[in-house]
Protein backbone atom coordinates (compact mmCIF):
# COMPACT_ATOMS: atom_id res chain seq x y z
CA MET A 1 -21.21 46.71 -64.98
CA ARG A 2 -21.07 43.57 -67.06
CA ARG A 3 -18.73 40.85 -65.88
CA SER A 4 -15.83 39.64 -67.97
CA CYS A 5 -16.71 35.98 -67.71
CA GLU A 6 -14.19 34.96 -70.35
CA LEU A 7 -11.31 36.14 -68.17
CA VAL A 8 -12.66 34.51 -65.02
CA VAL A 9 -13.19 31.20 -66.81
CA ALA A 10 -9.71 31.39 -68.32
CA LEU A 11 -8.19 31.98 -64.90
CA TRP A 12 -10.24 29.21 -63.35
CA CYS A 13 -9.08 26.78 -66.00
CA ALA A 14 -5.47 27.87 -65.58
CA GLY A 15 -5.55 25.96 -62.31
CA CYS A 16 -7.55 22.98 -63.56
CA ALA A 17 -4.53 20.80 -64.30
CA GLN A 18 -2.90 21.49 -60.92
CA SER A 19 -3.53 18.60 -58.50
CA ASP A 20 -1.33 19.72 -55.57
CA TYR A 21 -2.82 22.86 -54.09
CA VAL A 22 -3.51 24.65 -50.81
CA ASP A 23 -6.99 23.77 -49.54
CA LEU A 24 -8.65 26.99 -48.38
CA THR A 25 -11.97 25.31 -47.58
CA GLY A 26 -13.27 26.24 -44.14
CA VAL A 27 -14.39 28.93 -41.74
CA TYR A 28 -11.98 31.56 -40.39
CA ARG A 29 -12.29 33.99 -37.49
CA VAL A 30 -11.30 37.49 -38.63
CA ASP A 31 -8.53 38.81 -36.38
CA ALA A 32 -8.05 42.06 -38.31
CA GLU A 33 -9.59 43.82 -41.30
CA LEU A 34 -7.87 46.87 -42.75
CA SER A 35 -9.05 49.01 -45.62
CA SER A 36 -8.44 52.23 -47.50
CA GLU A 37 -10.59 53.92 -50.12
CA PRO A 38 -8.97 55.33 -52.21
CA CYS A 39 -5.84 53.29 -51.60
CA GLY A 40 -3.39 54.78 -49.19
CA ILE A 41 -2.83 54.13 -45.53
CA ASP A 42 -4.97 51.18 -44.46
CA GLN A 43 -7.02 51.71 -41.31
CA PRO A 44 -8.91 49.20 -39.15
CA VAL A 45 -12.50 48.70 -40.37
CA ALA A 46 -15.01 49.99 -37.81
CA GLN A 47 -17.40 47.03 -38.12
CA PRO A 48 -15.51 44.16 -39.75
CA TRP A 49 -17.08 40.89 -40.78
CA PRO A 50 -16.34 38.53 -37.87
CA TYR A 51 -15.95 35.41 -40.06
CA LEU A 52 -14.79 34.43 -43.53
CA LYS A 53 -15.65 31.22 -45.32
CA PHE A 54 -13.85 29.75 -48.30
CA GLN A 55 -15.94 27.40 -50.35
CA GLU A 56 -14.88 25.26 -53.29
CA SER A 57 -16.60 26.19 -56.50
CA THR A 58 -19.14 23.58 -57.59
CA THR A 59 -19.04 24.63 -61.24
CA LEU A 60 -15.40 25.48 -61.90
CA SER A 61 -11.99 25.01 -60.29
CA GLY A 62 -10.96 27.15 -57.35
CA PHE A 63 -12.55 28.81 -54.35
CA TRP A 64 -14.74 31.76 -53.57
CA LEU A 65 -14.84 33.93 -50.50
CA LEU A 66 -17.90 34.58 -48.36
CA ARG A 67 -18.06 37.21 -45.62
CA CYS A 68 -20.17 35.98 -42.68
CA SER A 69 -21.74 37.55 -39.60
CA ASP A 70 -21.91 34.28 -37.64
CA ARG A 71 -19.62 31.33 -36.93
CA ALA A 72 -22.21 28.86 -38.25
CA THR A 73 -22.00 30.74 -41.60
CA MET A 74 -25.79 30.99 -41.87
CA ASN A 75 -25.67 34.70 -42.80
CA CYS A 76 -23.01 35.20 -45.48
CA GLY A 77 -22.55 37.34 -48.55
CA GLY A 78 -20.24 37.19 -51.54
CA ASP A 79 -20.01 37.60 -55.29
CA MET A 80 -19.14 34.55 -57.40
CA PHE A 81 -17.02 36.66 -59.75
CA LEU A 82 -15.59 39.45 -57.59
CA ASP A 83 -14.71 37.08 -54.74
CA ALA A 84 -13.30 34.23 -56.86
CA PHE A 85 -9.84 32.74 -56.30
CA PRO A 86 -9.44 30.43 -59.32
CA GLN A 87 -5.67 30.20 -59.76
CA PRO A 88 -3.45 28.20 -57.37
CA THR A 89 -0.06 29.41 -56.17
CA ASP A 90 2.54 27.76 -53.94
CA ALA A 91 1.00 29.21 -50.77
CA GLY A 92 -2.63 29.85 -51.69
CA TRP A 93 -4.84 31.13 -54.48
CA ILE A 94 -5.19 34.32 -56.55
CA GLY A 95 -7.81 35.83 -58.80
CA GLU A 96 -8.28 38.80 -61.07
CA LEU A 97 -11.20 40.34 -62.90
CA SER A 98 -11.28 42.89 -65.71
CA ASP A 99 -14.51 44.67 -66.56
CA ALA A 100 -15.93 47.68 -68.38
CA SER A 101 -19.21 49.47 -67.67
CA ASN A 102 -21.97 49.97 -70.22
CA THR A 103 -22.38 53.58 -69.12
CA THR A 104 -21.23 56.93 -70.41
CA PRO A 105 -18.62 57.76 -69.41
CA CYS A 106 -17.16 54.28 -69.49
CA VAL A 107 -15.42 53.04 -66.33
CA LEU A 108 -12.79 50.32 -66.49
CA LEU A 109 -12.30 48.06 -63.47
CA TYR A 110 -9.45 45.72 -62.62
CA SER A 111 -9.60 43.76 -59.37
CA VAL A 112 -6.87 41.48 -58.06
CA ARG A 113 -7.03 39.34 -54.94
CA SER A 114 -4.87 36.82 -53.12
CA ALA A 115 -5.39 34.34 -50.30
CA ARG A 116 -2.34 32.91 -48.55
CA LEU A 117 -2.54 30.17 -45.92
CA ASP A 118 0.33 29.63 -43.47
CA GLY A 119 -0.66 26.85 -41.06
CA ASP A 120 -4.03 28.04 -39.74
CA HIS A 121 -3.31 31.75 -40.43
CA LEU A 122 -5.00 33.20 -43.51
CA THR A 123 -4.10 36.50 -45.18
CA VAL A 124 -6.44 37.88 -47.84
CA GLY A 125 -5.62 40.94 -49.94
CA ILE A 126 -8.03 42.62 -52.36
CA GLU A 127 -7.15 45.62 -54.53
CA ASP A 128 -9.40 47.46 -57.01
CA HIS A 129 -8.25 49.81 -59.76
CA SER A 130 -10.51 51.88 -62.02
CA GLU A 131 -10.71 54.91 -64.25
CA GLU A 132 -13.00 56.63 -66.75
CA VAL A 133 -12.05 56.19 -70.42
CA PRO A 134 -13.44 57.25 -73.81
CA ASP A 135 -16.04 54.88 -75.28
CA ALA A 136 -13.51 53.72 -77.89
CA ASP A 137 -11.40 52.18 -75.07
CA CYS A 138 -14.37 50.66 -73.23
CA SER A 139 -13.67 46.90 -73.01
CA PRO A 140 -12.68 44.30 -70.41
CA ARG A 141 -9.55 43.66 -72.50
CA GLU A 142 -8.51 47.31 -72.14
CA ALA A 143 -9.07 47.05 -68.36
CA GLU A 144 -6.86 43.96 -68.31
CA LEU A 145 -4.13 45.74 -70.29
CA ARG A 146 -4.16 48.77 -67.98
CA SER A 147 -4.60 46.66 -64.79
CA THR A 148 -2.58 48.17 -61.92
CA LEU A 149 -1.55 51.15 -64.05
CA MET A 150 -5.03 52.56 -63.33
CA PRO A 151 -5.52 54.44 -60.05
CA CYS A 152 -6.04 52.22 -57.02
CA THR A 153 -9.53 52.91 -55.68
CA LYS A 154 -9.83 50.41 -52.80
CA HIS A 155 -7.59 48.10 -50.79
CA GLU A 156 -8.68 45.50 -48.23
CA ARG A 157 -6.62 43.16 -46.10
CA PHE A 158 -7.89 40.44 -43.78
CA GLY A 159 -5.94 38.48 -41.18
CA ALA A 160 -7.85 35.43 -39.98
CA THR A 161 -7.45 32.12 -38.14
CA ARG A 162 -8.93 28.82 -39.34
CA LEU A 163 -11.45 27.38 -36.87
């Protein structure tokens, strides 16, 4: 799938002028990870990532999420676009991504995520929506327009404590 960089950059810049924001930077111990695929009743993940790390973006405004297997965060994974939180809110950061595949049939994807910090307690929610569409409707803009009207294909929720 190609990434809709225009949308991500637009969202990142939406928070550029904001000087008072919640600082997510740091390492968090995962207390609970729930998931459902397709969306429905979330269940505990059998082998959750034990740590999360939020890192400030060095190129644009905002943060991105890394999932780590160790407290020292030496073994982490993440996606600069799919795990981006570029827009500040009163209690944290949010992000969304719209995309369309270059395949036949075309698949639209809309992903929305939020990170909320309350003291040292972090709550992260990630929800993906997608559906197949005719080639004539195959664009990131169409995915953005349909957003949560498309079927929910995956939901994740993390509860974590800042170390």
